[in-house]
Amino acid sequence: MRNNIVINVILICLPLLLVMLMNSCRSDVEMILSEDIAIGNSEVIKGYKGFYLLNEGNMGSNKATLDFYDFATGIYTRNIYAERNPNVPKEMGDVGNDIGIYNNKLWAVINVSNKIEVMDAHTTKRIAQIDIPNCRFIKFYKGYAYVTSYAGPVVIDPNYEQLGFVAKINTVTLEVVDRCLVGFQPDELEISGDKIYVANSGGYMGAGNSEGYERTVSVIDIATFKEEKRIDVAYNLERIKADSRGNLWVSSRGDYKGLPARLYFLDREKEMITDTIPIAATNYWIDDDLLYVYGTEFSYLTNSWNISYSIVDTKSREIVSRNIIADGADNEIEKPYGIMVHPETKDIFVTDAGNYVTPGVLYCFDKEGRKKWSVITGNIPGHFALLPIYN
């Protein structure tokens, strides 16, 4: 009888004890368990298991979260990092800015927390934290990860004096082995041939004065890891991506006043801008020879937003469509914030940051631009990483 009483007490107290232990691991923030949502049709897609979506979270709130969509089950799982890493203080951290997968590791760039979270690509359990100040974007090449950094603190200052840099990280030892100075406030980087191309923004220095913005792309020789030159493009650069021929597509945010946002074609061989596409290109994804782009352009002159969608042919360098979404579902999207095109199915994924305060939405459209499904995400969903099926 006494044994039965002891067993019953243990069974009653064990759940409470587990909750107490979980709370003690992260006493400074509330722990939120993951949530599975059935949204899509189960699919067997050649080469890919699913994709991760990194939600930036609101600055200063440590709300960066990680979601995963499984193609085989059609299940969307929200906030998986926190549950699988209960001993990590403040969970993923403050502002998730980029994400990538390389050699079975998942890398998340957490901007304001000044770190990169390195995880197992299949379990999302943390492997290591790499400290890099004000880190921004990441790319991989021949055993190394390359990460842009603003180098200094998050602050608007027309007299900012700290040049940015690109960090070189050994993907096996997870150590920063070198740094290369570039322009002020470097954002996205791209690798084409044996060079690294970096879009310098000068974003901290241009507020209220367009002349304060950077307007160059830094070119780094990978072998020497030295900046060779800077190519003049336009004010306030942000994105840069290579097409199938190795040429670069660079976006300028303009100055939010008289200088409009634009998309530029950088000829890699000539090392100069040879074409300008008259559209805002806040973010874009290149699939085959098509560049899928959305623009969210704000004007201080009108205090209003202009939102646009386009498809650009990277061969002819012409706009071939002013629509990505064909069925009118774009009217449901308040502020597009991320985009990806599946290389096999050609499904188009677009995220909506909404009001930037409450949870966002992920939309899936078929290759014709017709809505297939949508799901609630974390706050400010923005960055995709396809998870390959490794043999």
Protein backbone atom coordinates (compact mmCIF):
# COMPACT_ATOMS: atom_id res chain seq x y z
CA MET A 1 0.00 0.00 0.00
CA ARG A 2 2.80 2.36 0.95
CA ASN A 3 4.60 1.64 -2.34
CA ASN A 4 1.46 2.53 -4.29
CA ILE A 5 1.17 5.82 -2.44
CA VAL A 6 4.81 6.68 -3.20
CA ILE A 7 4.36 5.83 -6.87
CA ASN A 8 1.23 7.98 -7.10
CA VAL A 9 3.02 10.92 -5.49
CA ILE A 10 5.89 10.60 -7.97
CA LEU A 11 3.50 10.46 -10.93
CA ILE A 12 1.69 13.56 -9.70
CA CYS A 13 4.82 15.55 -8.94
CA LEU A 14 6.94 14.57 -11.93
CA PRO A 15 5.20 16.85 -14.48
CA LEU A 16 5.44 19.76 -12.04
CA LEU A 17 9.11 19.03 -11.45
CA LEU A 18 9.80 18.99 -15.19
CA VAL A 19 8.08 22.35 -15.65
CA MET A 20 10.11 23.80 -12.76
CA LEU A 21 13.34 22.50 -14.27
CA MET A 22 12.47 23.95 -17.68
CA ASN A 23 11.68 27.33 -16.14
CA SER A 24 14.92 27.31 -14.18
CA CYS A 25 16.87 26.78 -17.42
CA ARG A 26 15.47 29.98 -18.83
CA SER A 27 14.26 32.10 -15.94
CA ASP A 28 14.63 35.38 -17.82
CA VAL A 29 12.18 34.64 -20.65
CA GLU A 30 9.06 32.60 -21.18
CA MET A 31 9.64 29.26 -22.90
CA ILE A 32 7.24 28.54 -25.76
CA LEU A 33 6.85 25.00 -27.02
CA SER A 34 6.81 24.18 -30.70
CA GLU A 35 3.54 23.72 -32.57
CA ASP A 36 2.74 21.43 -35.50
CA ILE A 37 0.24 22.67 -38.09
CA ALA A 38 -1.06 20.59 -40.99
CA ILE A 39 -1.22 22.96 -43.95
CA GLY A 40 -0.03 21.44 -47.22
CA ASN A 41 -0.35 18.23 -49.17
CA SER A 42 2.34 15.65 -48.49
CA GLU A 43 4.86 15.64 -51.34
CA VAL A 44 7.95 13.64 -52.21
CA ILE A 45 10.23 16.24 -53.76
CA LYS A 46 13.50 15.20 -55.32
CA GLY A 47 16.50 16.38 -53.37
CA TYR A 48 14.78 18.25 -50.52
CA LYS A 49 13.24 17.31 -47.18
CA GLY A 50 11.77 20.74 -46.42
CA PHE A 51 12.84 24.26 -45.53
CA TYR A 52 13.62 26.40 -42.51
CA LEU A 53 12.16 29.88 -42.10
CA LEU A 54 13.98 32.30 -39.81
CA ASN A 55 11.74 34.91 -38.19
CA GLU A 56 13.64 38.07 -37.36
CA GLY A 57 11.58 39.06 -34.31
CA ASN A 58 11.18 42.60 -33.00
CA MET A 59 14.43 44.39 -32.21
CA GLY A 60 15.25 44.45 -28.52
CA SER A 61 12.86 41.63 -27.61
CA ASN A 62 14.94 38.46 -28.23
CA LYS A 63 12.14 37.07 -30.38
CA ALA A 64 14.06 35.54 -33.27
CA THR A 65 12.50 32.11 -33.90
CA LEU A 66 12.91 29.20 -36.29
CA ASP A 67 10.14 27.33 -38.15
CA PHE A 68 10.29 24.26 -40.40
CA TYR A 69 8.07 22.95 -43.19
CA ASP A 70 8.27 19.24 -44.02
CA PHE A 71 7.40 18.45 -47.66
CA ALA A 72 6.77 14.74 -46.99
CA THR A 73 4.15 15.35 -44.28
CA GLY A 74 2.78 18.78 -45.14
CA ILE A 75 3.40 19.76 -41.50
CA TYR A 76 4.58 23.26 -40.59
CA THR A 77 6.30 23.41 -37.18
CA ARG A 78 6.63 26.74 -35.43
CA ASN A 79 9.37 27.75 -32.97
CA ILE A 80 11.46 24.58 -32.95
CA TYR A 81 14.72 26.05 -31.64
CA ALA A 82 13.50 26.92 -28.16
CA GLU A 83 12.13 23.47 -27.43
CA ARG A 84 15.16 21.62 -28.77
CA ASN A 85 17.66 23.86 -26.98
CA PRO A 86 16.13 24.43 -23.53
CA ASN A 87 19.44 25.39 -21.90
CA VAL A 88 20.26 28.29 -24.25
CA PRO A 89 19.59 31.62 -22.49
CA LYS A 90 17.31 34.00 -24.41
CA GLU A 91 16.69 31.30 -27.03
CA MET A 92 17.88 32.34 -30.54
CA GLY A 93 18.39 35.97 -29.61
CA ASP A 94 17.74 39.40 -31.08
CA VAL A 95 16.99 39.86 -34.82
CA GLY A 96 17.55 36.85 -37.06
CA ASN A 97 19.08 38.37 -40.21
CA ASP A 98 20.12 35.44 -42.42
CA ILE A 99 20.25 31.66 -42.57
CA GLY A 100 22.07 28.99 -44.55
CA ILE A 101 22.89 25.27 -44.64
CA TYR A 102 26.32 23.85 -45.34
CA ASN A 103 27.71 20.34 -44.71
CA ASN A 104 24.85 19.23 -42.44
CA LYS A 105 25.05 22.38 -40.32
CA LEU A 106 22.41 25.09 -40.09
CA TRP A 107 23.79 28.59 -39.61
CA ALA A 108 21.60 31.45 -38.32
CA VAL A 109 22.98 34.99 -38.29
CA ILE A 110 21.58 36.83 -35.25
CA ASN A 111 22.34 40.47 -35.91
CA VAL A 112 21.80 42.48 -32.70
CA SER A 113 22.89 39.58 -30.49
CA ASN A 114 26.24 39.71 -32.30
CA LYS A 115 26.42 35.99 -32.92
CA ILE A 116 25.93 33.10 -35.29
CA GLU A 117 24.02 30.08 -34.03
CA VAL A 118 25.42 26.88 -35.54
CA MET A 119 23.05 23.90 -35.33
CA ASP A 120 22.69 20.36 -36.57
CA ALA A 121 20.75 20.81 -39.82
CA HIS A 122 18.42 17.88 -39.05
CA THR A 123 17.77 18.23 -35.31
CA THR A 124 18.38 22.01 -34.91
CA LYS A 125 20.29 21.27 -31.70
CA ARG A 126 22.95 23.83 -31.05
CA ILE A 127 26.54 22.91 -31.91
CA ALA A 128 28.23 26.22 -31.19
CA GLN A 129 27.91 29.99 -30.96
CA ILE A 130 30.30 32.16 -32.98
CA ASP A 131 30.61 35.76 -31.84
CA ILE A 132 30.71 38.38 -34.60
CA PRO A 133 29.65 41.99 -33.91
CA ASN A 134 26.62 43.32 -35.77
CA CYS A 135 26.69 40.40 -38.23
CA ARG A 136 24.46 40.56 -41.30
CA PHE A 137 24.63 37.96 -44.12
CA ILE A 138 26.36 34.62 -44.76
CA LYS A 139 27.66 32.61 -47.75
CA PHE A 140 29.69 29.38 -48.01
CA TYR A 141 32.55 28.31 -50.26
CA LYS A 142 35.05 25.42 -50.14
CA GLY A 143 35.01 24.75 -46.42
CA TYR A 144 34.54 28.31 -45.21
CA ALA A 145 31.66 30.54 -44.20
CA TYR A 146 31.89 34.23 -45.08
CA VAL A 147 29.90 36.70 -42.99
CA THR A 148 29.44 40.45 -43.37
CA SER A 149 29.68 42.61 -40.27
CA TYR A 150 28.97 46.27 -39.59
CA ALA A 151 31.78 45.88 -36.99
CA GLY A 152 30.46 48.59 -34.68
CA PRO A 153 27.32 49.17 -32.59
CA VAL A 154 23.79 49.65 -33.87
CA VAL A 155 23.61 53.45 -34.07
CA ILE A 156 22.65 56.11 -36.63
CA ASP A 157 25.67 58.39 -36.91
CA PRO A 158 26.71 60.50 -39.93
CA ASN A 159 30.26 60.47 -38.55
CA TYR A 160 30.48 56.70 -38.12
CA GLU A 161 34.17 55.80 -38.49
CA GLN A 162 34.24 52.00 -38.22
CA LEU A 163 34.64 50.23 -41.56
CA GLY A 164 32.78 46.96 -41.92
CA PHE A 165 34.42 43.63 -42.63
CA VAL A 166 33.87 40.13 -43.95
CA ALA A 167 34.73 37.36 -41.49
CA LYS A 168 36.14 34.04 -42.72
CA ILE A 169 35.07 31.04 -40.62
CA ASN A 170 36.40 27.48 -40.81
CA THR A 171 33.23 25.37 -41.05
CA VAL A 172 34.91 22.39 -39.31
CA THR A 173 36.63 24.07 -36.36
CA LEU A 174 34.03 26.90 -36.27
CA GLU A 175 36.78 29.43 -35.67
CA VAL A 176 37.09 32.88 -37.25
CA VAL A 177 40.39 32.60 -39.12
CA ASP A 178 40.55 35.97 -40.90
CA ARG A 179 38.86 39.31 -41.57
CA CYS A 180 38.82 41.54 -44.64
CA LEU A 181 37.90 45.22 -44.33
CA VAL A 182 35.35 46.52 -46.84
CA GLY A 183 33.09 49.58 -46.96
CA PHE A 184 30.78 51.03 -44.33
CA GLN A 185 27.87 48.85 -43.18
CA PRO A 186 28.22 45.95 -45.64
CA ASP A 187 25.03 43.99 -46.23
CA GLU A 188 24.53 41.00 -48.52
CA LEU A 189 27.50 39.26 -50.13
CA GLU A 190 27.76 36.86 -53.06
CA ILE A 191 30.45 34.49 -54.35
CA SER A 192 31.01 34.28 -58.09
CA GLY A 193 34.05 32.65 -59.65
CA ASP A 194 36.98 33.22 -57.34
CA LYS A 195 35.69 36.51 -55.95
CA ILE A 196 33.45 37.69 -53.13
CA TYR A 197 31.21 40.65 -53.94
CA VAL A 198 29.91 42.77 -51.05
CA ALA A 199 27.10 45.34 -51.18
CA ASN A 200 28.16 48.29 -48.99
CA SER A 201 25.28 50.38 -47.68
CA GLY A 202 26.56 53.12 -45.37
CA GLY A 203 23.09 52.88 -43.85
CA TYR A 204 24.10 54.33 -40.48
CA MET A 205 25.64 57.39 -42.12
CA GLY A 206 23.06 58.38 -44.71
CA ALA A 207 20.02 59.17 -42.58
CA GLY A 208 18.95 62.68 -43.56
CA ASN A 209 21.80 63.05 -46.05
CA SER A 210 22.03 60.90 -49.16
CA GLU A 211 25.68 61.89 -49.65
CA GLY A 212 26.49 59.95 -46.48
CA TYR A 213 25.49 56.60 -47.96
CA GLU A 214 28.01 54.18 -49.42
CA ARG A 215 27.58 53.40 -53.13
CA THR A 216 30.09 50.65 -53.89
CA VAL A 217 30.45 46.89 -54.22
CA SER A 218 33.67 45.59 -52.66
CA VAL A 219 35.49 42.88 -54.63
CA ILE A 220 37.50 40.42 -52.52
CA ASP A 221 39.95 37.91 -53.98
CA ILE A 222 39.21 34.61 -52.22
CA ALA A 223 42.76 33.24 -52.54
CA THR A 224 44.39 36.21 -50.80
CA PHE A 225 41.29 37.31 -48.89
CA LYS A 226 42.09 40.94 -49.69
CA GLU A 227 39.84 43.65 -51.08
CA GLU A 228 40.95 44.26 -54.66
CA LYS A 229 38.70 47.15 -55.61
CA ARG A 230 35.35 48.83 -55.20
CA ILE A 231 32.87 49.13 -58.05
CA ASP A 232 30.67 52.24 -58.08
CA VAL A 233 26.95 51.39 -58.27
CA ALA A 234 24.46 53.62 -56.42
CA TYR A 235 23.58 54.91 -52.96
CA ASN A 236 22.54 52.63 -50.09
CA LEU A 237 23.11 49.14 -51.50
CA GLU A 238 21.59 46.08 -49.80
CA ARG A 239 21.16 42.90 -51.88
CA ILE A 240 23.49 41.17 -54.30
CA LYS A 241 22.94 37.81 -56.04
CA ALA A 242 24.61 35.99 -58.93
CA ASP A 243 22.72 34.57 -61.89
CA SER A 244 23.57 31.33 -63.74
CA ARG A 245 26.26 33.09 -65.78
CA GLY A 246 27.98 34.52 -62.71
CA ASN A 247 26.87 38.11 -63.27
CA LEU A 248 25.63 40.10 -60.28
CA TRP A 249 22.28 41.71 -59.55
CA VAL A 250 22.57 44.53 -57.02
CA SER A 251 19.81 46.49 -55.30
CA SER A 252 19.87 50.07 -54.08
CA ARG A 253 17.35 51.32 -51.54
CA GLY A 254 17.81 54.92 -52.70
CA ASP A 255 17.52 57.67 -50.10
CA TYR A 256 13.76 57.34 -49.39
CA LYS A 257 13.29 60.82 -50.86
CA GLY A 258 14.35 61.96 -54.31
CA LEU A 259 16.57 59.01 -55.24
CA PRO A 260 14.40 55.99 -56.08
CA ALA A 261 15.22 52.37 -55.28
CA ARG A 262 16.61 50.48 -58.27
CA LEU A 263 17.96 47.11 -59.44
CA TYR A 264 21.35 47.07 -61.20
CA PHE A 265 23.13 44.56 -63.43
CA LEU A 266 26.84 44.22 -62.72
CA ASP A 267 28.75 42.56 -65.56
CA ARG A 268 31.34 40.35 -63.85
CA GLU A 269 33.85 40.38 -66.71
CA LYS A 270 33.66 44.13 -67.31
CA GLU A 271 33.42 44.77 -63.54
CA MET A 272 30.96 47.60 -64.07
CA ILE A 273 27.24 48.35 -64.09
CA THR A 274 25.87 47.99 -67.62
CA ASP A 275 22.10 47.98 -67.02
CA THR A 276 19.55 49.52 -64.68
CA ILE A 277 16.14 47.95 -64.12
CA PRO A 278 13.62 50.65 -63.08
CA ILE A 279 12.08 48.78 -60.15
CA ALA A 280 12.51 48.68 -56.39
CA ALA A 281 14.15 45.39 -55.38
CA THR A 282 13.84 44.98 -51.65
CA ASN A 283 14.42 41.24 -51.95
CA TYR A 284 14.60 38.73 -54.78
CA TRP A 285 15.26 35.10 -55.62
CA ILE A 286 16.88 33.86 -58.82
CA ASP A 287 15.58 30.55 -60.21
CA ASP A 288 16.94 29.32 -63.54
CA ASP A 289 17.02 32.53 -65.62
CA LEU A 290 14.20 34.33 -63.84
CA LEU A 291 14.57 36.84 -61.03
CA TYR A 292 11.47 37.02 -58.78
CA VAL A 293 11.43 40.35 -56.96
CA TYR A 294 9.25 42.37 -54.65
CA GLY A 295 9.74 45.99 -53.71
CA THR A 296 8.58 47.78 -50.56
CA GLU A 297 9.64 51.36 -51.10
CA PHE A 298 8.93 54.04 -48.48
CA SER A 299 9.00 57.76 -49.21
CA TYR A 300 9.54 60.41 -46.54
CA LEU A 301 8.12 62.95 -49.00
CA THR A 302 4.71 61.25 -49.16
CA ASN A 303 4.93 59.20 -45.93
CA SER A 304 3.60 56.24 -47.87
CA TRP A 305 4.68 52.81 -49.12
CA ASN A 306 4.78 51.60 -52.69
CA ILE A 307 4.65 47.80 -52.98
CA SER A 308 5.40 46.02 -56.24
CA TYR A 309 6.09 42.55 -57.65
CA SER A 310 8.05 41.76 -60.82
CA ILE A 311 9.81 39.02 -62.74
CA VAL A 312 13.00 39.88 -64.61
CA ASP A 313 14.62 37.74 -67.31
CA THR A 314 18.31 37.62 -66.35
CA LYS A 315 19.36 36.83 -69.95
CA SER A 316 17.58 39.69 -71.70
CA ARG A 317 17.65 41.87 -68.57
CA GLU A 318 14.04 42.87 -69.21
CA ILE A 319 10.96 42.91 -67.00
CA VAL A 320 8.79 40.07 -68.29
CA SER A 321 5.97 40.42 -65.76
CA ARG A 322 4.66 42.96 -63.28
CA ASN A 323 3.02 40.18 -61.30
CA ILE A 324 4.23 37.20 -59.30
CA ILE A 325 0.84 36.48 -57.78
CA ALA A 326 -1.87 35.91 -60.38
CA ASP A 327 -5.07 35.35 -58.40
CA GLY A 328 -5.32 38.61 -56.44
CA ALA A 329 -3.98 37.08 -53.21
CA ASP A 330 -1.29 39.77 -53.14
CA ASN A 331 -4.02 42.00 -51.70
CA GLU A 332 -3.86 39.86 -48.55
CA ILE A 333 -0.16 40.67 -48.07
CA GLU A 334 0.47 43.83 -46.10
CA LYS A 335 4.32 43.97 -46.19
CA PRO A 336 6.17 41.29 -48.19
CA TYR A 337 9.39 40.46 -46.35
CA GLY A 338 10.89 37.26 -47.74
CA ILE A 339 10.79 35.24 -50.95
CA MET A 340 11.90 31.82 -52.21
CA VAL A 341 11.22 29.76 -55.34
CA HIS A 342 11.46 25.99 -55.03
CA PRO A 343 14.00 24.74 -57.62
CA GLU A 344 11.99 21.56 -58.39
CA THR A 345 8.28 22.39 -58.07
CA LYS A 346 8.70 26.11 -58.86
CA ASP A 347 6.30 26.89 -56.00
CA ILE A 348 6.71 30.50 -54.87
CA PHE A 349 6.90 31.29 -51.15
CA VAL A 350 6.31 34.85 -49.93
CA THR A 351 6.29 36.03 -46.32
CA ASP A 352 4.28 38.90 -44.89
CA ALA A 353 5.66 40.89 -41.94
CA GLY A 354 2.30 42.60 -41.43
CA ASN A 355 2.65 45.40 -38.90
CA TYR A 356 6.12 44.18 -37.77
CA VAL A 357 4.81 43.65 -34.22
CA THR A 358 2.48 40.66 -34.35
CA PRO A 359 3.11 37.22 -35.96
CA GLY A 360 3.52 37.21 -39.73
CA VAL A 361 2.20 34.93 -42.46
CA LEU A 362 3.83 32.57 -44.97
CA TYR A 363 2.08 32.14 -48.33
CA CYS A 364 2.67 29.35 -50.83
CA PHE A 365 1.76 29.90 -54.50
CA ASP A 366 2.07 27.44 -57.36
CA LYS A 367 4.28 28.24 -60.36
CA GLU A 368 1.37 30.06 -62.01
CA GLY A 369 1.04 32.36 -59.01
CA ARG A 370 -2.13 30.82 -57.56
CA LYS A 371 -2.40 30.52 -53.80
CA LYS A 372 -2.06 26.98 -52.39
CA TRP A 373 -1.99 27.68 -48.65
CA SER A 374 -0.91 30.10 -45.93
CA VAL A 375 0.14 29.76 -42.29
CA ILE A 376 0.89 31.99 -39.30
CA THR A 377 4.63 32.27 -38.56
CA GLY A 378 6.73 34.02 -35.94
CA ASN A 379 7.28 37.78 -35.90
CA ILE A 380 8.79 39.25 -39.09
CA PRO A 381 9.40 36.10 -41.16
CA GLY A 382 12.10 36.73 -43.70
CA HIS A 383 14.82 34.17 -44.45
CA PHE A 384 14.64 30.71 -46.07
CA ALA A 385 17.01 27.73 -46.19
CA LEU A 386 16.13 24.58 -48.13
CA LEU A 387 17.14 21.37 -46.33
CA PRO A 388 18.66 18.87 -48.79
CA ILE A 389 18.13 15.12 -48.49
CA TYR A 390 21.60 13.79 -47.81
CA ASN A 391 22.42 10.30 -49.10
